[in-house]
Amino acid sequence: HEAFNFAQMLQGENVPANVAQLQELVSKQGERAIRFYVLFLLGFMSGLEAGSGSRFLTAQRAENVIEAIGMLQHLMDSTP
């Protein structure tokens, strides 16, 4: 989270240097690290404002998160 902030990416606040930092982190720690990070984020977002189900991660927000994860996968293979 210190090297790359997924929430900032969702809001369009990242710059190419952030992507380069993420790529460097994944090259050092392996792809399992990014998969764990994404899983953590999904669990965290699902628990926000929790009650009966997730009040935060609605169907609309989930669509956006799924698209963002796809973009994140694409970024891993791209140059910043």
C-alpha atoms as a PDB file:
ATOM      1  CA  HIS A   1       0.000   0.000   0.000  1.00  0.00           C
ATOM      2  CA  GLU A   2       2.935   2.315   0.558  1.00  0.00           C
ATOM      3  CA  ALA A   3       4.326   1.767  -2.949  1.00  0.00           C
ATOM      4  CA  PHE A   4       0.977   1.724  -4.756  1.00  0.00           C
ATOM      5  CA  ASN A   5      -2.473   2.813  -3.693  1.00  0.00           C
ATOM      6  CA  PHE A   6      -5.267   0.998  -5.525  1.00  0.00           C
ATOM      7  CA  ALA A   7      -7.877   3.483  -4.305  1.00  0.00           C
ATOM      8  CA  GLN A   8      -5.881   6.294  -5.880  1.00  0.00           C
ATOM      9  CA  MET A   9      -5.802   4.341  -9.130  1.00  0.00           C
ATOM     10  CA  LEU A  10      -9.591   3.996  -9.015  1.00  0.00           C
ATOM     11  CA  GLN A  11      -9.858   7.762  -8.628  1.00  0.00           C
ATOM     12  CA  GLY A  12      -7.349   8.497 -11.411  1.00  0.00           C
ATOM     13  CA  GLU A  13      -4.784   9.957  -9.018  1.00  0.00           C
ATOM     14  CA  ASN A  14      -1.826   7.735  -9.937  1.00  0.00           C
ATOM     15  CA  VAL A  15       1.034   8.835 -12.175  1.00  0.00           C
ATOM     16  CA  PRO A  16       3.331   6.643 -14.296  1.00  0.00           C
ATOM     17  CA  ALA A  17       5.910   6.606 -11.484  1.00  0.00           C
ATOM     18  CA  ASN A  18       3.359   4.839  -9.240  1.00  0.00           C
ATOM     19  CA  VAL A  19       2.905   2.137 -11.878  1.00  0.00           C
ATOM     20  CA  ALA A  20       6.685   1.752 -12.173  1.00  0.00           C
ATOM     21  CA  GLN A  21       6.913   1.349  -8.376  1.00  0.00           C
ATOM     22  CA  LEU A  22       4.226  -1.329  -8.472  1.00  0.00           C
ATOM     23  CA  GLN A  23       5.954  -3.174 -11.313  1.00  0.00           C
ATOM     24  CA  GLU A  24       9.244  -3.068  -9.426  1.00  0.00           C
ATOM     25  CA  LEU A  25       7.582  -4.351  -6.264  1.00  0.00           C
ATOM     26  CA  VAL A  26       5.964  -7.235  -8.139  1.00  0.00           C
ATOM     27  CA  SER A  27       9.251  -8.105  -9.858  1.00  0.00           C
ATOM     28  CA  LYS A  28      10.911  -8.331  -6.421  1.00  0.00           C
ATOM     29  CA  GLN A  29       8.130 -10.025  -4.454  1.00  0.00           C
ATOM     30  CA  GLY A  30       6.420 -12.003  -7.202  1.00  0.00           C
ATOM     31  CA  GLU A  31       2.929 -12.057  -8.625  1.00  0.00           C
ATOM     32  CA  ARG A  32       1.545 -13.734  -5.502  1.00  0.00           C
ATOM     33  CA  ALA A  33       2.109 -10.467  -3.637  1.00  0.00           C
ATOM     34  CA  ILE A  34      -0.136  -8.479  -5.985  1.00  0.00           C
ATOM     35  CA  ARG A  35      -2.781 -11.208  -5.919  1.00  0.00           C
ATOM     36  CA  PHE A  36      -2.773 -11.130  -2.124  1.00  0.00           C
ATOM     37  CA  TYR A  37      -2.981  -7.323  -2.181  1.00  0.00           C
ATOM     38  CA  VAL A  38      -6.020  -7.416  -4.471  1.00  0.00           C
ATOM     39  CA  LEU A  39      -7.684 -10.082  -2.321  1.00  0.00           C
ATOM     40  CA  PHE A  40      -7.030  -7.981   0.782  1.00  0.00           C
ATOM     41  CA  LEU A  41      -8.541  -4.921  -0.897  1.00  0.00           C
ATOM     42  CA  LEU A  42     -11.668  -6.813  -1.937  1.00  0.00           C
ATOM     43  CA  GLY A  43     -12.166  -8.054   1.608  1.00  0.00           C
ATOM     44  CA  PHE A  44     -11.509  -4.607   3.022  1.00  0.00           C
ATOM     45  CA  MET A  45     -13.918  -2.867   0.645  1.00  0.00           C
ATOM     46  CA  SER A  46     -16.554  -5.514   1.263  1.00  0.00           C
ATOM     47  CA  GLY A  47     -16.346  -4.882   4.984  1.00  0.00           C
ATOM     48  CA  LEU A  48     -16.696  -1.096   4.769  1.00  0.00           C
ATOM     49  CA  GLU A  49     -19.993   0.057   6.225  1.00  0.00           C
ATOM     50  CA  ALA A  50     -20.861  -3.605   6.740  1.00  0.00           C
ATOM     51  CA  GLY A  51     -24.096  -4.712   8.201  1.00  0.00           C
ATOM     52  CA  SER A  52     -26.278  -7.144   6.382  1.00  0.00           C
ATOM     53  CA  GLY A  53     -24.040  -7.526   3.353  1.00  0.00           C
ATOM     54  CA  SER A  54     -21.781  -4.760   2.157  1.00  0.00           C
ATOM     55  CA  ARG A  55     -23.295  -1.318   1.949  1.00  0.00           C
ATOM     56  CA  PHE A  56     -20.126   0.054   0.353  1.00  0.00           C
ATOM     57  CA  LEU A  57     -19.271  -2.498  -2.324  1.00  0.00           C
ATOM     58  CA  THR A  58     -22.522  -2.266  -4.251  1.00  0.00           C
ATOM     59  CA  ALA A  59     -23.064  -3.830  -7.675  1.00  0.00           C
ATOM     60  CA  GLN A  60     -22.050  -0.581  -9.396  1.00  0.00           C
ATOM     61  CA  ARG A  61     -18.898  -0.179  -7.334  1.00  0.00           C
ATOM     62  CA  ALA A  62     -18.072  -3.862  -7.799  1.00  0.00           C
ATOM     63  CA  GLU A  63     -18.237  -3.389 -11.589  1.00  0.00           C
ATOM     64  CA  ASN A  64     -15.777  -0.516 -11.325  1.00  0.00           C
ATOM     65  CA  VAL A  65     -13.449  -2.543  -9.100  1.00  0.00           C
ATOM     66  CA  ILE A  66     -13.544  -5.522 -11.493  1.00  0.00           C
ATOM     67  CA  GLU A  67     -12.679  -3.237 -14.418  1.00  0.00           C
ATOM     68  CA  ALA A  68      -9.880  -1.647 -12.392  1.00  0.00           C
ATOM     69  CA  ILE A  69      -8.422  -5.061 -11.541  1.00  0.00           C
ATOM     70  CA  GLY A  70      -8.414  -5.865 -15.262  1.00  0.00           C
ATOM     71  CA  MET A  71      -6.600  -2.606 -15.950  1.00  0.00           C
ATOM     72  CA  LEU A  72      -4.144  -3.404 -13.184  1.00  0.00           C
ATOM     73  CA  GLN A  73      -3.394  -6.741 -14.874  1.00  0.00           C
ATOM     74  CA  HIS A  74      -2.802  -4.896 -18.139  1.00  0.00           C
ATOM     75  CA  LEU A  75      -0.504  -2.396 -16.401  1.00  0.00           C
ATOM     76  CA  MET A  76       1.691  -5.211 -15.135  1.00  0.00           C
ATOM     77  CA  ASP A  77       2.607  -6.010 -18.760  1.00  0.00           C
ATOM     78  CA  SER A  78       2.945  -2.385 -19.944  1.00  0.00           C
ATOM     79  CA  THR A  79       5.635   0.229 -19.638  1.00  0.00           C
ATOM     80  CA  PRO A  80       4.743   3.307 -17.571  1.00  0.00           C
END
